[in-house]
Amino acid sequence: MQLGAFDFFEKSLDLKRIKLIVKKTLESKKKNDQMIIPLPDENEKQLLKNFMIGGVTEQMQDIFKKIGKVSGTRVNVLVQGESGTGKELITRLIHYSGVTKNEPFIAVNCSALPETLLESELFGHVQGAFTDATKNKKGKFELAGKGTIFLDEISEFTSKLQAKLLRVIQEKEFERLGGEETIPMQARIVAATNRNLMELVKRNLFREDLYYRLNIFTINVPALRDRREEIPKLVVHLLGKINLEVHKRVNTIPYEVMEMLKSHEWRGNIRELENTLMNAVLLAKDNVLEKEYFNFIDHSTSASKTQGEVISLAEVEKKHIEFILSHVRWNKSQASKILGITKTTLYNKIAQYNILDSKS
């Protein structure tokens, strides 16, 4: 199956089943000959380049123009948009298409770590700075060098970390935790958030002076449902990436499948699209993405809520993890691959949300 077999037979042979499989194989071959979107062989850098020039909506063309303007500078950038809209990808485009392309790109998920660990991750520490600090460690700001440090979900910074970050931006230097040596900060900062930072400023939840330091150049990323014309290009880009990851060659998409993908709501934006495609590719028996391989997240729960009610991000994440686990019959290795997280993170999420196997 890994080498591309459509199906296999067990002994002893069932002639009816053979006829059925042969019929399905021929139908698949016929569909394959009819269409549609053959994907080119591309490496990762080429995929990134093709995605950058693939914007067909006015909104995305404006974003690519902004990327072109800011990538030649080292000014700080604020990228705003819903979860899963591709904020990190846009940051990578800024990094790899400009003056920082030969320097390190360092990404930090600010919502994934508690304050003390995040502080150590960002600034590093010296031996003995705290109980588990058994040796000196470089922080992300130091590792970024003259490249780009991407601070994802900057809105989750505590007031203490906001103050420290403001000082780093103003003074262009920092110290490791427990250390006295001053280290120059040379990296360009790109901060991203799915929340309205100005609203947080008004509610005294985010420092106004830090907001203006980060908001030198802003890119607002539209939701996928507001740029459906981009979906075919995104599908081609993501399938190329997925094929590289899982060592498959699913490179043909039926017209009706692409129309189905274009009409879906995609409340999880590009992340939901990528997870859905990953699942379909893993299920595909040949190089064609058939309708039967797609299982969409059921948003009916949130859609049925009355006006004024909202579903939290945690609820959405829990439902999505439950759906993926159920679909792969609680194969945690496969589920973690589809979700794009490590098995350790998956186990933590299962415990955090108290997700139970319905068969247990």
Protein backbone atom coordinates (compact mmCIF):
# COMPACT_ATOMS: atom_id res chain seq x y z
CA MET A 1 0.00 0.00 0.00
CA GLN A 2 2.91 2.36 0.78
CA LEU A 3 4.30 1.80 -2.72
CA GLY A 4 0.98 2.76 -4.31
CA ALA A 5 -1.06 -0.49 -4.53
CA PHE A 6 -4.79 0.24 -4.87
CA ASP A 7 -5.82 -2.73 -2.69
CA PHE A 8 -4.77 -6.26 -1.76
CA PHE A 9 -6.39 -9.69 -1.47
CA GLU A 10 -6.16 -12.30 1.26
CA LYS A 11 -6.22 -16.04 0.67
CA SER A 12 -8.47 -17.60 -0.34
CA LEU A 13 -9.58 -15.41 -3.23
CA ASP A 14 -13.17 -14.17 -3.44
CA LEU A 15 -14.03 -13.70 -7.14
CA LYS A 16 -16.90 -11.29 -6.37
CA ARG A 17 -14.58 -9.13 -4.33
CA ILE A 18 -11.94 -9.25 -7.08
CA LYS A 19 -14.49 -7.99 -9.61
CA LEU A 20 -15.57 -5.22 -7.25
CA ILE A 21 -11.99 -4.07 -6.61
CA VAL A 22 -11.10 -4.19 -10.32
CA LYS A 23 -14.21 -2.13 -11.07
CA LYS A 24 -13.22 0.47 -8.44
CA THR A 25 -9.66 0.53 -9.78
CA LEU A 26 -10.86 1.19 -13.32
CA GLU A 27 -13.25 3.89 -12.11
CA SER A 28 -10.40 5.54 -10.22
CA LYS A 29 -8.21 5.33 -13.33
CA LYS A 30 -10.98 6.90 -15.41
CA LYS A 31 -11.36 9.76 -12.94
CA ASN A 32 -7.62 10.18 -12.84
CA ASP A 33 -7.50 10.50 -16.63
CA GLN A 34 -10.31 13.06 -16.65
CA MET A 35 -8.81 15.63 -14.41
CA ILE A 36 -8.00 17.95 -12.77
CA ILE A 37 -5.15 19.43 -10.81
CA PRO A 38 -1.88 17.52 -11.12
CA LEU A 39 0.60 18.75 -8.54
CA PRO A 40 4.19 19.53 -9.54
CA ASP A 41 7.21 17.97 -7.83
CA GLU A 42 8.50 20.67 -5.51
CA ASN A 43 10.87 21.03 -2.62
CA GLU A 44 9.96 23.03 0.45
CA LYS A 45 11.56 26.32 -0.67
CA GLN A 46 9.78 26.11 -4.02
CA LEU A 47 6.46 25.48 -2.23
CA LEU A 48 6.99 28.61 -0.15
CA LYS A 49 7.83 30.65 -3.25
CA ASN A 50 4.79 29.37 -5.16
CA PHE A 51 2.48 30.11 -2.26
CA MET A 52 3.82 33.66 -2.06
CA ILE A 53 2.98 34.41 -5.70
CA GLY A 54 -0.33 32.56 -5.59
CA GLY A 55 -2.57 35.24 -4.11
CA VAL A 56 -5.59 35.84 -6.30
CA THR A 57 -7.72 37.98 -3.99
CA GLU A 58 -7.11 41.69 -3.61
CA GLN A 59 -6.67 41.20 0.15
CA MET A 60 -3.86 38.67 -0.27
CA GLN A 61 -2.20 40.67 -3.05
CA ASP A 62 -2.11 43.64 -0.66
CA ILE A 63 -0.50 41.40 1.98
CA PHE A 64 2.16 40.20 -0.46
CA LYS A 65 2.86 43.83 -1.40
CA LYS A 66 3.32 44.61 2.30
CA ILE A 67 5.64 41.62 2.68
CA GLY A 68 7.69 42.97 -0.23
CA LYS A 69 7.98 46.37 1.42
CA VAL A 70 8.83 45.20 4.94
CA SER A 71 11.09 42.22 4.12
CA GLY A 72 13.87 44.56 3.02
CA THR A 73 13.97 46.19 6.46
CA ARG A 74 14.45 45.05 10.06
CA VAL A 75 11.49 46.91 11.57
CA ASN A 76 9.19 45.10 13.99
CA VAL A 77 5.99 43.68 12.49
CA LEU A 78 2.61 42.86 14.05
CA VAL A 79 0.58 40.14 12.29
CA GLN A 80 -3.10 39.93 13.33
CA GLY A 81 -5.72 37.35 12.35
CA GLU A 82 -7.86 34.46 13.53
CA SER A 83 -6.24 31.23 14.69
CA GLY A 84 -5.08 29.12 11.78
CA THR A 85 -5.04 31.88 9.13
CA GLY A 86 -1.34 31.41 8.34
CA LYS A 87 0.31 34.09 10.47
CA GLU A 88 3.49 32.04 10.92
CA LEU A 89 3.66 31.28 7.20
CA ILE A 90 3.42 35.00 6.42
CA THR A 91 6.18 35.63 8.96
CA ARG A 92 8.36 33.01 7.25
CA LEU A 93 7.72 34.73 3.93
CA ILE A 94 8.87 38.03 5.44
CA HIS A 95 11.98 36.31 6.80
CA TYR A 96 12.99 34.24 3.77
CA SER A 97 12.26 36.85 1.10
CA GLY A 98 14.33 39.69 2.49
CA VAL A 99 17.44 40.80 4.34
CA THR A 100 17.15 38.09 7.00
CA LYS A 101 16.89 35.11 4.61
CA ASN A 102 20.37 33.77 5.46
CA GLU A 103 19.92 34.27 9.20
CA PRO A 104 18.10 32.10 11.79
CA PHE A 105 14.30 31.98 12.04
CA ILE A 106 13.17 31.26 15.61
CA ALA A 107 9.48 30.69 16.49
CA VAL A 108 8.12 30.83 20.04
CA ASN A 109 4.56 29.87 21.02
CA CYS A 110 3.95 32.27 23.91
CA SER A 111 0.75 30.50 25.02
CA ALA A 112 2.34 27.05 25.37
CA LEU A 113 4.56 27.76 28.40
CA PRO A 114 4.03 29.21 31.90
CA GLU A 115 5.68 32.54 32.67
CA THR A 116 8.85 31.18 34.33
CA LEU A 117 9.61 28.68 31.55
CA LEU A 118 8.79 31.20 28.82
CA GLU A 119 11.13 33.74 30.40
CA SER A 120 13.94 31.17 30.38
CA GLU A 121 13.13 30.16 26.78
CA LEU A 122 13.29 33.76 25.59
CA PHE A 123 16.27 35.10 27.53
CA GLY A 124 18.19 31.95 28.50
CA HIS A 125 19.69 31.31 31.94
CA VAL A 126 22.98 30.70 33.69
CA GLN A 127 23.81 27.66 35.79
CA GLY A 128 22.16 27.87 39.21
CA ALA A 129 19.62 30.54 38.21
CA PHE A 130 16.89 28.20 39.48
CA THR A 131 16.57 24.62 40.73
CA ASP A 132 16.74 22.82 37.39
CA ALA A 133 19.29 25.16 35.79
CA THR A 134 22.20 22.67 35.74
CA LYS A 135 24.08 24.46 32.94
CA ASN A 136 24.11 27.70 30.96
CA LYS A 137 21.46 27.91 28.25
CA LYS A 138 21.06 30.38 25.38
CA GLY A 139 17.63 31.94 24.95
CA LYS A 140 15.65 32.39 21.75
CA PHE A 141 16.61 36.07 21.41
CA GLU A 142 20.27 35.08 21.46
CA LEU A 143 19.78 32.13 19.09
CA ALA A 144 17.93 34.36 16.59
CA GLY A 145 21.09 36.40 16.05
CA LYS A 146 20.50 38.86 13.21
CA GLY A 147 17.50 36.87 11.97
CA THR A 148 13.83 36.86 12.96
CA ILE A 149 12.19 35.90 16.23
CA PHE A 150 8.49 35.10 15.84
CA LEU A 151 6.46 35.62 19.02
CA ASP A 152 3.18 33.82 18.43
CA GLU A 153 0.19 34.77 20.62
CA ILE A 154 1.96 37.81 22.07
CA SER A 155 -1.29 38.71 23.85
CA GLU A 156 -0.58 35.90 26.34
CA PHE A 157 2.48 37.69 27.77
CA THR A 158 2.11 38.46 31.47
CA SER A 159 2.64 42.05 32.66
CA LYS A 160 6.14 41.09 33.90
CA LEU A 161 7.16 39.67 30.52
CA GLN A 162 5.62 42.64 28.71
CA ALA A 163 7.86 44.95 30.76
CA LYS A 164 10.95 42.85 30.00
CA LEU A 165 10.15 42.71 26.28
CA LEU A 166 9.65 46.49 26.19
CA ARG A 167 13.10 46.95 27.73
CA VAL A 168 14.67 44.58 25.18
CA ILE A 169 13.12 46.54 22.30
CA GLN A 170 14.13 49.91 23.74
CA GLU A 171 17.64 49.05 24.89
CA LYS A 172 18.46 46.42 22.22
CA GLU A 173 20.01 44.23 24.91
CA PHE A 174 19.12 41.71 27.62
CA GLU A 175 20.63 39.42 30.27
CA ARG A 176 20.16 35.71 30.82
CA LEU A 177 18.21 34.78 33.95
CA GLY A 178 20.60 34.90 36.89
CA GLY A 179 23.35 36.40 34.74
CA GLU A 180 25.09 39.76 34.67
CA GLU A 181 26.52 39.76 31.14
CA THR A 182 24.68 42.08 28.75
CA ILE A 183 23.87 40.44 25.41
CA PRO A 184 22.99 42.56 22.34
CA MET A 185 19.59 41.91 20.75
CA GLN A 186 19.96 42.11 16.97
CA ALA A 187 16.93 40.16 15.73
CA ARG A 188 13.83 41.57 14.06
CA ILE A 189 10.69 40.86 16.12
CA VAL A 190 7.51 39.67 14.41
CA ALA A 191 4.63 39.36 16.90
CA ALA A 192 1.35 37.63 16.10
CA THR A 193 -2.00 37.51 17.82
CA ASN A 194 -5.54 36.29 17.21
CA ARG A 195 -6.89 38.95 19.56
CA ASN A 196 -7.42 42.70 19.17
CA LEU A 197 -4.43 44.17 20.99
CA MET A 198 -5.88 47.69 21.03
CA GLU A 199 -8.94 46.36 22.87
CA LEU A 200 -6.61 44.69 25.39
CA VAL A 201 -4.78 48.01 25.79
CA LYS A 202 -8.09 49.76 26.54
CA ARG A 203 -8.85 47.10 29.17
CA ASN A 204 -5.38 47.54 30.72
CA LEU A 205 -4.45 43.96 29.83
CA PHE A 206 -1.64 44.95 27.46
CA ARG A 207 0.88 47.76 27.78
CA GLU A 208 0.18 50.67 25.45
CA ASP A 209 3.87 51.57 25.09
CA LEU A 210 4.70 47.95 24.10
CA TYR A 211 1.80 47.91 21.64
CA TYR A 212 3.20 50.91 19.77
CA ARG A 213 6.71 49.42 19.81
CA LEU A 214 5.40 46.24 18.17
CA ASN A 215 2.87 47.93 15.89
CA ILE A 216 5.37 49.73 13.65
CA PHE A 217 4.16 47.78 10.61
CA THR A 218 0.88 45.80 10.71
CA ILE A 219 -0.42 42.98 8.54
CA ASN A 220 -4.05 41.91 9.04
CA VAL A 221 -4.70 38.40 7.71
CA PRO A 222 -8.27 37.69 6.53
CA ALA A 223 -10.11 34.49 7.48
CA LEU A 224 -10.11 31.72 4.87
CA ARG A 225 -13.90 31.99 4.46
CA ASP A 226 -13.36 35.56 3.26
CA ARG A 227 -10.93 34.51 0.51
CA ARG A 228 -12.31 31.27 -0.88
CA GLU A 229 -10.70 31.98 -4.25
CA GLU A 230 -7.36 31.20 -2.57
CA ILE A 231 -8.39 27.65 -1.60
CA PRO A 232 -7.24 25.86 -4.81
CA LYS A 233 -3.76 27.43 -4.54
CA LEU A 234 -3.63 26.63 -0.83
CA VAL A 235 -4.68 23.02 -1.46
CA VAL A 236 -1.92 22.59 -4.04
CA HIS A 237 0.63 24.15 -1.67
CA LEU A 238 -0.47 22.09 1.35
CA LEU A 239 -0.67 18.80 -0.55
CA GLY A 240 2.89 19.30 -1.76
CA LYS A 241 3.99 19.88 1.82
CA ILE A 242 2.01 16.88 3.13
CA ASN A 243 3.36 14.57 0.43
CA LEU A 244 6.90 15.48 1.52
CA GLU A 245 6.04 14.81 5.16
CA VAL A 246 4.33 11.43 4.78
CA HIS A 247 6.28 10.20 1.71
CA LYS A 248 3.25 9.81 -0.54
CA ARG A 249 2.39 11.09 -4.01
CA VAL A 250 -1.25 12.13 -3.86
CA ASN A 251 -1.20 14.59 -6.74
CA THR A 252 -4.63 14.62 -8.42
CA ILE A 253 -7.79 16.34 -7.18
CA PRO A 254 -11.22 15.75 -8.74
CA TYR A 255 -13.17 18.87 -9.72
CA GLU A 256 -16.07 18.00 -7.40
CA VAL A 257 -13.65 17.55 -4.49
CA MET A 258 -12.12 20.98 -5.06
CA GLU A 259 -15.60 22.52 -5.24
CA MET A 260 -16.47 20.78 -1.97
CA LEU A 261 -13.36 22.21 -0.33
CA LYS A 262 -14.16 25.70 -1.64
CA SER A 263 -17.69 25.60 -0.22
CA HIS A 264 -16.72 24.43 3.30
CA GLU A 265 -16.86 27.00 6.12
CA TRP A 266 -13.27 26.40 7.44
CA ARG A 267 -13.76 28.01 10.83
CA GLY A 268 -10.36 26.65 11.77
CA ASN A 269 -8.95 28.41 8.69
CA ILE A 270 -5.78 27.08 7.01
CA ARG A 271 -4.91 24.86 9.99
CA GLU A 272 -8.23 23.03 9.68
CA LEU A 273 -7.74 22.75 5.90
CA GLU A 274 -4.26 21.27 6.37
CA ASN A 275 -5.43 18.78 9.01
CA THR A 276 -8.33 17.71 6.78
CA LEU A 277 -6.01 17.24 3.79
CA MET A 278 -3.48 15.32 5.91
CA ASN A 279 -6.21 12.92 7.01
CA ALA A 280 -7.42 12.47 3.42
CA VAL A 281 -3.89 11.83 2.11
CA LEU A 282 -3.28 9.19 4.78
CA LEU A 283 -6.51 7.43 3.77
CA ALA A 284 -5.89 7.69 0.00
CA LYS A 285 -5.22 4.36 -1.72
CA ASP A 286 -3.74 5.85 -4.86
CA ASN A 287 -2.75 9.28 -6.14
CA VAL A 288 -6.31 10.66 -6.33
CA LEU A 289 -8.08 12.49 -3.49
CA GLU A 290 -11.60 11.06 -3.51
CA LYS A 291 -14.60 12.51 -1.68
CA GLU A 292 -14.82 9.46 0.59
CA TYR A 293 -11.49 10.32 2.20
CA PHE A 294 -12.76 13.59 3.69
CA ASN A 295 -14.24 13.95 7.15
CA PHE A 296 -15.04 17.50 8.13
CA ILE A 297 -15.29 18.89 11.63
CA ASP A 298 -18.90 19.21 12.73
CA HIS A 299 -19.46 22.85 13.61
CA SER A 300 -23.17 22.37 14.19
CA THR A 301 -22.79 22.74 17.96
CA SER A 302 -21.33 26.21 17.72
CA ALA A 303 -23.54 27.14 14.76
CA SER A 304 -26.70 26.28 16.66
CA LYS A 305 -25.87 28.56 19.57
CA THR A 306 -28.11 31.58 19.83
CA GLN A 307 -26.89 35.02 18.89
CA GLY A 308 -24.68 36.49 21.59
CA GLU A 309 -23.32 33.11 22.71
CA VAL A 310 -19.83 32.05 21.76
CA ILE A 311 -17.83 28.85 21.85
CA SER A 312 -14.39 29.18 23.41
CA LEU A 313 -11.17 28.33 21.63
CA ALA A 314 -10.63 25.55 24.18
CA GLU A 315 -14.01 24.01 23.28
CA VAL A 316 -13.15 24.12 19.58
CA GLU A 317 -9.76 22.50 20.22
CA LYS A 318 -11.29 19.79 22.42
CA LYS A 319 -13.95 18.93 19.83
CA HIS A 320 -11.35 18.81 17.06
CA ILE A 321 -9.05 16.48 19.05
CA GLU A 322 -12.02 14.26 19.95
CA PHE A 323 -13.02 14.07 16.29
CA ILE A 324 -9.50 13.15 15.11
CA LEU A 325 -9.03 10.53 17.86
CA SER A 326 -12.38 8.97 17.07
CA HIS A 327 -11.65 8.93 13.34
CA VAL A 328 -8.28 7.15 13.74
CA ARG A 329 -9.73 4.82 16.42
CA TRP A 330 -7.50 6.32 19.12
CA ASN A 331 -4.25 5.63 17.28
CA LYS A 332 -2.33 8.38 19.07
CA SER A 333 0.66 8.30 16.72
CA GLN A 334 -1.60 8.89 13.71
CA ALA A 335 -3.69 11.45 15.59
CA SER A 336 -0.65 13.49 16.64
CA LYS A 337 0.61 13.48 13.01
CA ILE A 338 -2.75 14.70 11.69
CA LEU A 339 -3.02 17.36 14.42
CA GLY A 340 0.56 18.51 13.82
CA ILE A 341 1.61 18.11 17.47
CA THR A 342 3.90 15.74 19.37
CA LYS A 343 2.54 12.66 21.15
CA THR A 344 3.52 14.24 24.46
CA THR A 345 1.44 17.33 23.67
CA LEU A 346 -1.46 15.11 22.61
CA TYR A 347 -1.34 13.18 25.89
CA ASN A 348 -1.30 16.50 27.78
CA LYS A 349 -4.32 17.75 25.80
CA ILE A 350 -6.23 14.52 26.46
CA ALA A 351 -5.59 14.93 30.19
CA GLN A 352 -6.30 18.68 30.14
CA TYR A 353 -9.69 18.27 28.44
CA ASN A 354 -10.49 14.95 30.14
CA ILE A 355 -11.10 13.28 26.75
CA LEU A 356 -12.26 9.70 27.15
CA ASP A 357 -12.19 6.83 24.67
CA SER A 358 -15.86 5.94 24.09
CA LYS A 359 -14.92 2.25 23.73
CA SER A 360 -13.11 2.11 27.08
